[in-house]
Amino acid sequence: MKKIIIILIIPLLNLGNTPVISNIINPSTDDCEGLNNIEINEVHSNYNGFGVCCFGGNNGFIDITVTGGTGNYTYTWNNGETSEDLSNIGAGTYAVTATDENGCSGSIEVIITEPENMTISVSRSSYHGEFDYGVSCNGATDGFIDITVTGGTGNYTYAWDNGETTQDLGDIGAGSYTVIATDGNGNSISIEVVLTESPEPDFNIIIDSLEDYTGFGVSCNGEGDGHISFSITSGDEFGWNYILQSDEAEILNSYIDSNAGVIENLSAGDYEIFFTDENGCVTDLYPFTITEAEEMIISKNHSNYSSYGVSCNGATDGFIDITVTGGTGNYTYAWDNGETSQDLSNIGAGTYAVTATD
């Protein structure tokens, strides 16, 4: 009666190609008792703890060495092979029986393992609900791609077609991105991810800084009665939010439900305005200037008779000459004595007030 002892050999992890050796001493029949025992040693493939390099791979091997017994050996493997060793094998359980010339035999079982199949799952940026754009606005760079790799032997490296070697990508624009993930055995898997963007805005914005005050944007130097008008030509019929800023400081943020509007009560200065649509996408900056005339200044020259405005008490030989600069020109004059000329002459002593208007 044959007696068979099976020993399970589990490969050691991270041994590279270090031999894994097992042995068995097994007289196979009562008739073999007392004869030289048959001893089987085996070495099998080891790829970072697995018997083959990758899922579905067939680069495994089992090398056995038989000692003891009598004469030449024959070999019977459970996969039908009769050679001493096996090569180019896939994952599985392999058992071999070695028999000598006297019919004495020994057996051993070897398990060739394989890593799990490599897979990639993807999470990416998504904006604006059902539109599922990869970035928030046309031309934006707020997209991201996060990938998760499973299977293989771990210790993955990553190679993106844009040159990045990180696992994930962030702050990216619309486009097609392909990554190759490689495990410790050199097995790789790739995936392409596409980030879309909304169509380029189809609009034209016209800013008109109205110069209704004789060629200036405000009525007088220092006044705050300037205004602009704007119109938006767009294929989209919805409201806009506009933000007005001066010297990079926001001074007005308002919403209109049409494609045209007027902004009033502006002082002279340089401004920028930009618009955002319902998705929060921002237009370019549109600069404009509210102009103003120079400040009006009046200078005067009056008669002087030894520090008096007239030559004698009761005399009417005084005069006042004024000069006005600034404003828009074309001045008119209103004296408190009723005169409307620029200057006064042949006047007596007294107090005189004039208002010059451009």
Protein backbone atom coordinates (compact mmCIF):
# COMPACT_ATOMS: atom_id res chain seq x y z
CA MET A 1 0.00 0.00 0.00
CA LYS A 2 1.39 3.43 -1.00
CA LYS A 3 1.68 6.13 1.59
CA ILE A 4 1.89 9.74 0.28
CA ILE A 5 2.67 12.74 2.42
CA ILE A 6 1.83 16.17 0.91
CA ILE A 7 3.66 19.25 2.12
CA LEU A 8 2.30 22.70 1.17
CA ILE A 9 5.05 25.16 0.28
CA ILE A 10 4.06 28.85 0.57
CA PRO A 11 6.49 31.24 -1.17
CA LEU A 12 8.33 33.70 1.03
CA LEU A 13 7.66 37.37 0.34
CA ASN A 14 10.17 39.79 -1.16
CA LEU A 15 12.93 37.25 -1.77
CA GLY A 16 13.54 38.16 -5.41
CA ASN A 17 14.91 34.99 -7.04
CA THR A 18 16.12 33.40 -3.78
CA PRO A 19 15.48 29.65 -3.99
CA VAL A 20 12.64 28.28 -1.91
CA ILE A 21 13.57 24.72 -0.95
CA SER A 22 11.42 21.95 0.44
CA ASN A 23 12.05 18.26 0.82
CA ILE A 24 10.28 15.05 1.56
CA ILE A 25 11.47 11.66 2.62
CA ASN A 26 8.86 9.12 1.64
CA PRO A 27 9.14 5.44 1.14
CA SER A 28 6.18 4.89 -1.16
CA THR A 29 5.57 1.20 -0.57
CA ASP A 30 6.13 -1.33 2.08
CA ASP A 31 8.58 -2.99 -0.30
CA CYS A 32 10.78 0.17 -0.27
CA GLU A 33 11.27 0.15 3.47
CA GLY A 34 14.90 -0.07 4.34
CA LEU A 35 16.02 1.24 0.96
CA ASN A 36 17.48 4.66 0.37
CA ASN A 37 14.75 7.22 1.00
CA ILE A 38 13.71 9.50 -1.87
CA GLU A 39 14.27 13.20 -1.11
CA ILE A 40 12.82 15.98 -3.32
CA ASN A 41 14.08 19.57 -3.22
CA GLU A 42 12.36 22.29 -5.23
CA VAL A 43 13.01 25.89 -6.22
CA HIS A 44 10.21 27.92 -7.82
CA SER A 45 9.87 31.37 -9.31
CA ASN A 46 9.39 34.37 -7.03
CA TYR A 47 8.40 37.80 -8.41
CA ASN A 48 8.05 40.07 -5.43
CA GLY A 49 6.25 37.37 -3.49
CA PHE A 50 4.29 35.89 -6.40
CA GLY A 51 5.03 32.86 -8.58
CA VAL A 52 4.36 34.75 -11.81
CA CYS A 53 4.99 38.39 -12.61
CA CYS A 54 1.44 39.42 -13.29
CA PHE A 55 -2.18 38.39 -13.40
CA GLY A 56 -2.52 35.76 -16.12
CA GLY A 57 1.25 35.54 -16.55
CA ASN A 58 2.98 32.30 -17.58
CA ASN A 59 6.58 32.98 -16.66
CA GLY A 60 6.62 30.75 -13.59
CA PHE A 61 8.92 27.77 -13.13
CA ILE A 62 9.53 24.87 -10.76
CA ASP A 63 12.94 23.17 -10.61
CA ILE A 64 13.15 19.97 -8.59
CA THR A 65 16.10 17.89 -7.54
CA VAL A 66 15.58 14.27 -6.46
CA THR A 67 18.06 12.28 -4.36
CA GLY A 68 17.92 8.84 -2.79
CA GLY A 69 16.18 5.83 -4.21
CA THR A 70 17.71 3.63 -6.88
CA GLY A 71 18.74 4.35 -10.46
CA ASN A 72 16.99 6.73 -12.80
CA TYR A 73 13.81 8.58 -11.95
CA THR A 74 10.63 9.15 -13.86
CA TYR A 75 8.39 12.12 -13.22
CA THR A 76 4.66 12.50 -13.33
CA TRP A 77 3.15 15.98 -12.95
CA ASN A 78 -0.52 16.61 -12.41
CA ASN A 79 -0.61 18.75 -15.53
CA GLY A 80 0.51 15.81 -17.66
CA GLU A 81 4.16 16.78 -18.00
CA THR A 82 6.83 14.11 -17.50
CA SER A 83 9.91 16.31 -17.45
CA GLU A 84 11.89 16.83 -14.30
CA ASP A 85 11.20 20.57 -14.20
CA LEU A 86 8.43 22.88 -15.33
CA SER A 87 8.82 26.26 -17.03
CA ASN A 88 6.57 28.86 -18.61
CA ILE A 89 3.73 27.96 -16.29
CA GLY A 90 0.91 30.06 -14.94
CA ALA A 91 -0.58 30.28 -11.48
CA GLY A 92 -1.89 27.06 -9.98
CA THR A 93 -1.15 24.07 -7.80
CA TYR A 94 1.41 21.66 -9.23
CA ALA A 95 2.10 18.18 -7.84
CA VAL A 96 4.86 15.84 -9.00
CA THR A 97 5.67 12.22 -8.19
CA ALA A 98 9.23 11.00 -8.73
CA THR A 99 9.64 7.20 -9.07
CA ASP A 100 12.91 5.23 -9.07
CA GLU A 101 13.72 1.96 -10.85
CA ASN A 102 12.41 -0.08 -7.90
CA GLY A 103 9.05 1.65 -8.04
CA CYS A 104 9.73 3.62 -4.90
CA SER A 105 8.36 7.18 -5.13
CA GLY A 106 8.11 10.53 -3.43
CA SER A 107 5.71 13.39 -4.08
CA ILE A 108 5.61 17.11 -3.55
CA GLU A 109 3.08 19.86 -4.19
CA VAL A 110 4.02 23.46 -5.13
CA ILE A 111 1.63 26.43 -5.36
CA ILE A 112 2.43 29.11 -7.93
CA THR A 113 0.60 32.32 -7.00
CA GLU A 114 -0.26 35.44 -9.06
CA PRO A 115 -1.07 39.03 -8.16
CA GLU A 116 -4.58 40.37 -8.64
CA ASN A 117 -5.42 41.98 -11.93
CA MET A 118 -4.47 45.69 -12.05
CA THR A 119 -7.38 48.13 -12.26
CA ILE A 120 -7.68 51.93 -12.31
CA SER A 121 -10.63 53.90 -11.01
CA VAL A 122 -11.00 57.64 -11.65
CA SER A 123 -12.56 60.59 -9.87
CA ARG A 124 -12.47 63.93 -11.69
CA SER A 125 -13.74 67.47 -11.36
CA SER A 126 -17.30 68.17 -12.48
CA TYR A 127 -18.94 71.60 -12.74
CA HIS A 128 -22.42 72.91 -13.52
CA GLY A 129 -24.54 69.85 -12.84
CA GLU A 130 -25.83 68.05 -15.87
CA PHE A 131 -23.32 69.80 -18.13
CA ASP A 132 -20.56 67.94 -16.26
CA TYR A 133 -17.78 70.24 -17.42
CA GLY A 134 -14.29 69.37 -16.21
CA VAL A 135 -13.42 73.02 -15.46
CA SER A 136 -15.64 75.78 -14.13
CA CYS A 137 -15.34 78.18 -17.08
CA ASN A 138 -13.91 78.32 -20.55
CA GLY A 139 -10.13 78.63 -20.17
CA ALA A 140 -10.16 77.90 -16.42
CA THR A 141 -7.49 75.71 -14.77
CA ASP A 142 -9.42 74.43 -11.76
CA GLY A 143 -9.82 70.85 -12.93
CA PHE A 144 -8.46 67.77 -11.18
CA ILE A 145 -8.07 64.03 -11.75
CA ASP A 146 -7.70 61.55 -8.87
CA ILE A 147 -6.89 57.94 -9.70
CA THR A 148 -6.81 54.80 -7.58
CA VAL A 149 -4.86 51.72 -8.69
CA THR A 150 -5.46 48.25 -7.26
CA GLY A 151 -3.97 44.84 -7.98
CA GLY A 152 -0.49 44.04 -9.15
CA THR A 153 2.32 44.07 -6.61
CA GLY A 154 1.89 47.65 -5.35
CA ASN A 155 4.68 50.22 -5.23
CA TYR A 156 3.16 51.94 -8.25
CA THR A 157 4.81 54.61 -10.34
CA TYR A 158 2.88 57.02 -12.55
CA ALA A 159 3.64 58.63 -15.90
CA TRP A 160 1.22 61.22 -17.29
CA ASP A 161 1.38 62.37 -20.88
CA ASN A 162 1.84 65.96 -19.69
CA GLY A 163 5.07 64.98 -17.95
CA GLU A 164 3.74 64.71 -14.38
CA THR A 165 4.71 61.71 -12.26
CA THR A 166 2.32 62.21 -9.35
CA GLN A 167 -0.60 59.90 -8.71
CA ASP A 168 -3.17 62.68 -9.18
CA LEU A 169 -3.39 65.92 -11.13
CA GLY A 170 -4.71 69.27 -9.89
CA ASP A 171 -5.11 72.81 -11.22
CA ILE A 172 -5.41 71.63 -14.81
CA GLY A 173 -7.35 72.94 -17.78
CA ALA A 174 -9.63 71.20 -20.23
CA GLY A 175 -8.04 68.48 -22.35
CA SER A 176 -7.24 64.81 -22.66
CA TYR A 177 -4.95 63.25 -20.05
CA THR A 178 -3.47 59.74 -20.17
CA VAL A 179 -1.65 58.04 -17.31
CA ILE A 180 0.33 54.80 -17.18
CA ALA A 181 0.56 53.12 -13.76
CA THR A 182 3.33 50.54 -13.31
CA ASP A 183 3.74 48.12 -10.40
CA GLY A 184 6.89 46.69 -8.82
CA ASN A 185 7.09 43.90 -11.38
CA GLY A 186 6.94 46.27 -14.33
CA ASN A 187 3.33 45.49 -15.20
CA SER A 188 1.35 48.52 -16.31
CA ILE A 189 -2.15 49.72 -16.97
CA SER A 190 -3.27 52.98 -18.56
CA ILE A 191 -6.37 55.12 -18.78
CA GLU A 192 -7.38 58.27 -20.61
CA VAL A 193 -9.45 60.96 -18.88
CA VAL A 194 -11.05 63.86 -20.74
CA LEU A 195 -11.94 67.17 -19.05
CA THR A 196 -14.39 69.28 -21.01
CA GLU A 197 -15.13 72.99 -20.77
CA SER A 198 -18.06 75.23 -21.56
CA PRO A 199 -18.09 76.87 -25.00
CA GLU A 200 -16.15 80.09 -25.36
CA PRO A 201 -18.46 82.98 -24.44
CA ASP A 202 -20.11 84.55 -27.46
CA PHE A 203 -20.56 88.17 -26.45
CA ASN A 204 -19.32 91.66 -27.07
CA ILE A 205 -19.27 94.30 -24.37
CA ILE A 206 -19.36 98.01 -25.21
CA ILE A 207 -18.48 100.52 -22.50
CA ASP A 208 -19.38 104.16 -23.15
CA SER A 209 -17.96 106.72 -20.74
CA LEU A 210 -20.41 109.53 -21.31
CA GLU A 211 -18.83 112.99 -21.60
CA ASP A 212 -21.93 115.08 -21.37
CA TYR A 213 -20.29 118.09 -19.74
CA THR A 214 -18.60 120.00 -22.57
CA GLY A 215 -16.32 117.10 -23.30
CA PHE A 216 -15.77 116.03 -19.67
CA GLY A 217 -17.20 113.16 -17.66
CA VAL A 218 -18.29 115.21 -14.62
CA SER A 219 -19.85 118.64 -14.50
CA CYS A 220 -17.16 120.29 -12.40
CA ASN A 221 -13.84 119.46 -10.89
CA GLY A 222 -14.43 117.23 -7.84
CA GLU A 223 -18.07 116.44 -8.61
CA GLY A 224 -19.49 112.89 -8.56
CA ASP A 225 -22.11 113.11 -11.29
CA GLY A 226 -20.35 111.06 -13.97
CA HIS A 227 -21.85 107.91 -15.49
CA ILE A 228 -21.22 105.18 -18.03
CA SER A 229 -23.49 102.97 -20.06
CA PHE A 230 -22.80 99.44 -21.20
CA SER A 231 -24.40 96.91 -23.51
CA ILE A 232 -23.72 93.19 -23.87
CA THR A 233 -24.30 91.39 -27.11
CA SER A 234 -24.65 87.71 -26.24
CA GLY A 235 -26.42 84.61 -27.42
CA ASP A 236 -27.46 83.97 -23.83
CA GLU A 237 -30.50 85.69 -22.47
CA PHE A 238 -29.94 85.92 -18.76
CA GLY A 239 -28.80 88.50 -16.26
CA TRP A 240 -25.28 89.52 -15.46
CA ASN A 241 -23.45 90.49 -12.34
CA TYR A 242 -21.07 93.37 -12.84
CA ILE A 243 -18.24 94.44 -10.57
CA LEU A 244 -16.79 97.94 -10.79
CA GLN A 245 -13.44 98.65 -9.25
CA SER A 246 -11.05 101.57 -8.98
CA ASP A 247 -7.37 101.14 -8.18
CA GLU A 248 -8.08 97.43 -7.59
CA ALA A 249 -10.62 98.24 -4.85
CA GLU A 250 -14.16 97.04 -5.42
CA ILE A 251 -16.61 99.92 -5.23
CA LEU A 252 -19.74 98.45 -6.77
CA ASN A 253 -21.16 94.94 -7.16
CA SER A 254 -24.61 94.73 -8.65
CA TYR A 255 -26.90 92.48 -10.68
CA ILE A 256 -28.94 93.36 -13.73
CA ASP A 257 -31.49 91.14 -15.40
CA SER A 258 -30.87 92.52 -18.87
CA ASN A 259 -28.01 92.99 -21.31
CA ALA A 260 -27.68 96.76 -20.87
CA GLY A 261 -27.37 99.20 -18.04
CA VAL A 262 -26.12 102.53 -16.71
CA ILE A 263 -23.85 103.18 -13.74
CA GLU A 264 -24.24 106.64 -12.26
CA ASN A 265 -22.77 108.96 -9.59
CA LEU A 266 -19.15 108.35 -10.54
CA SER A 267 -16.31 110.72 -9.73
CA ALA A 268 -13.46 111.40 -12.10
CA GLY A 269 -10.86 108.64 -12.26
CA ASP A 270 -9.75 105.39 -13.88
CA TYR A 271 -12.04 102.37 -13.50
CA GLU A 272 -12.29 98.75 -14.55
CA ILE A 273 -15.46 96.73 -14.93
CA PHE A 274 -15.98 93.04 -15.48
CA PHE A 275 -19.01 90.80 -15.71
CA THR A 276 -19.88 87.32 -14.47
CA ASP A 277 -22.54 85.05 -15.94
CA GLU A 278 -24.89 82.66 -14.14
CA ASN A 279 -22.10 80.10 -13.86
CA GLY A 280 -19.73 82.56 -12.22
CA CYS A 281 -17.53 82.75 -15.30
CA VAL A 282 -15.73 86.07 -15.56
CA THR A 283 -15.25 88.23 -18.62
CA ASP A 284 -12.15 90.23 -19.40
CA LEU A 285 -11.51 93.51 -17.59
CA TYR A 286 -12.83 96.57 -19.42
CA PRO A 287 -11.10 99.82 -18.43
CA PHE A 288 -12.61 103.27 -18.80
CA THR A 289 -11.91 106.80 -17.56
CA ILE A 290 -14.21 109.50 -16.21
CA THR A 291 -12.59 112.83 -17.03
CA GLU A 292 -12.90 116.22 -15.35
CA ALA A 293 -11.85 119.73 -16.14
CA GLU A 294 -9.07 121.44 -14.24
CA GLU A 295 -10.06 123.22 -11.07
CA MET A 296 -11.27 126.79 -11.70
CA ILE A 297 -9.04 129.49 -10.21
CA ILE A 298 -9.71 133.26 -10.07
CA SER A 299 -6.89 135.76 -9.66
CA LYS A 300 -7.47 139.52 -9.27
CA ASN A 301 -5.74 142.83 -9.68
CA HIS A 302 -7.30 146.04 -8.38
CA SER A 303 -6.53 149.72 -8.24
CA ASN A 304 -4.01 150.93 -5.66
CA TYR A 305 -3.58 154.61 -4.69
CA SER A 306 -1.09 154.60 -1.86
CA SER A 307 -2.77 151.45 -0.54
CA TYR A 308 -6.28 152.80 -1.15
CA GLY A 309 -8.64 151.57 -3.82
CA VAL A 310 -9.61 155.07 -4.91
CA SER A 311 -7.58 158.24 -5.10
CA CYS A 312 -9.69 160.36 -2.76
CA ASN A 313 -12.57 160.01 -0.40
CA GLY A 314 -15.70 159.73 -2.51
CA ALA A 315 -13.78 159.23 -5.74
CA THR A 316 -14.90 156.70 -8.39
CA ASP A 317 -11.62 155.98 -10.09
CA GLY A 318 -11.17 152.39 -8.77
CA PHE A 319 -11.01 149.24 -10.90
CA ILE A 320 -10.91 145.43 -10.51
CA ASP A 321 -9.43 143.13 -13.17
CA ILE A 322 -9.94 139.34 -12.77
CA THR A 323 -8.42 136.38 -14.58
CA VAL A 324 -10.10 132.93 -14.59
CA THR A 325 -8.34 129.66 -15.45
CA GLY A 326 -9.49 126.03 -15.43
CA GLY A 327 -12.95 124.74 -16.08
CA THR A 328 -14.14 124.54 -19.64
CA GLY A 329 -13.71 128.18 -20.66
CA ASN A 330 -16.42 130.43 -22.11
CA TYR A 331 -16.88 132.03 -18.72
CA THR A 332 -19.75 134.24 -17.66
CA TYR A 333 -19.55 136.71 -14.79
CA ALA A 334 -22.01 137.90 -12.22
CA TRP A 335 -21.00 140.80 -9.94
CA ASP A 336 -22.99 141.62 -6.87
CA ASN A 337 -23.47 145.15 -8.16
CA GLY A 338 -25.30 143.77 -11.18
CA GLU A 339 -22.45 144.02 -13.69
CA THR A 340 -21.78 141.02 -15.98
CA SER A 341 -18.48 142.08 -17.49
CA GLN A 342 -15.23 140.35 -16.62
CA ASP A 343 -13.72 143.46 -15.04
CA LEU A 344 -15.01 146.54 -13.24
CA SER A 345 -13.84 150.12 -13.70
CA ASN A 346 -14.80 153.62 -12.51
CA ILE A 347 -15.99 152.25 -9.21
CA GLY A 348 -15.95 153.70 -5.75
CA ALA A 349 -14.82 152.26 -2.47
CA GLY A 350 -16.72 149.18 -1.37
CA THR A 351 -16.80 145.39 -1.33
CA TYR A 352 -17.35 143.65 -4.65
CA ALA A 353 -18.03 139.92 -5.19
CA VAL A 354 -18.03 138.09 -8.52
CA THR A 355 -19.02 134.57 -9.56
CA ALA A 356 -17.40 133.16 -12.69
CA THR A 357 -19.19 130.25 -14.38
CA ASP A 358 -17.78 128.12 -17.20
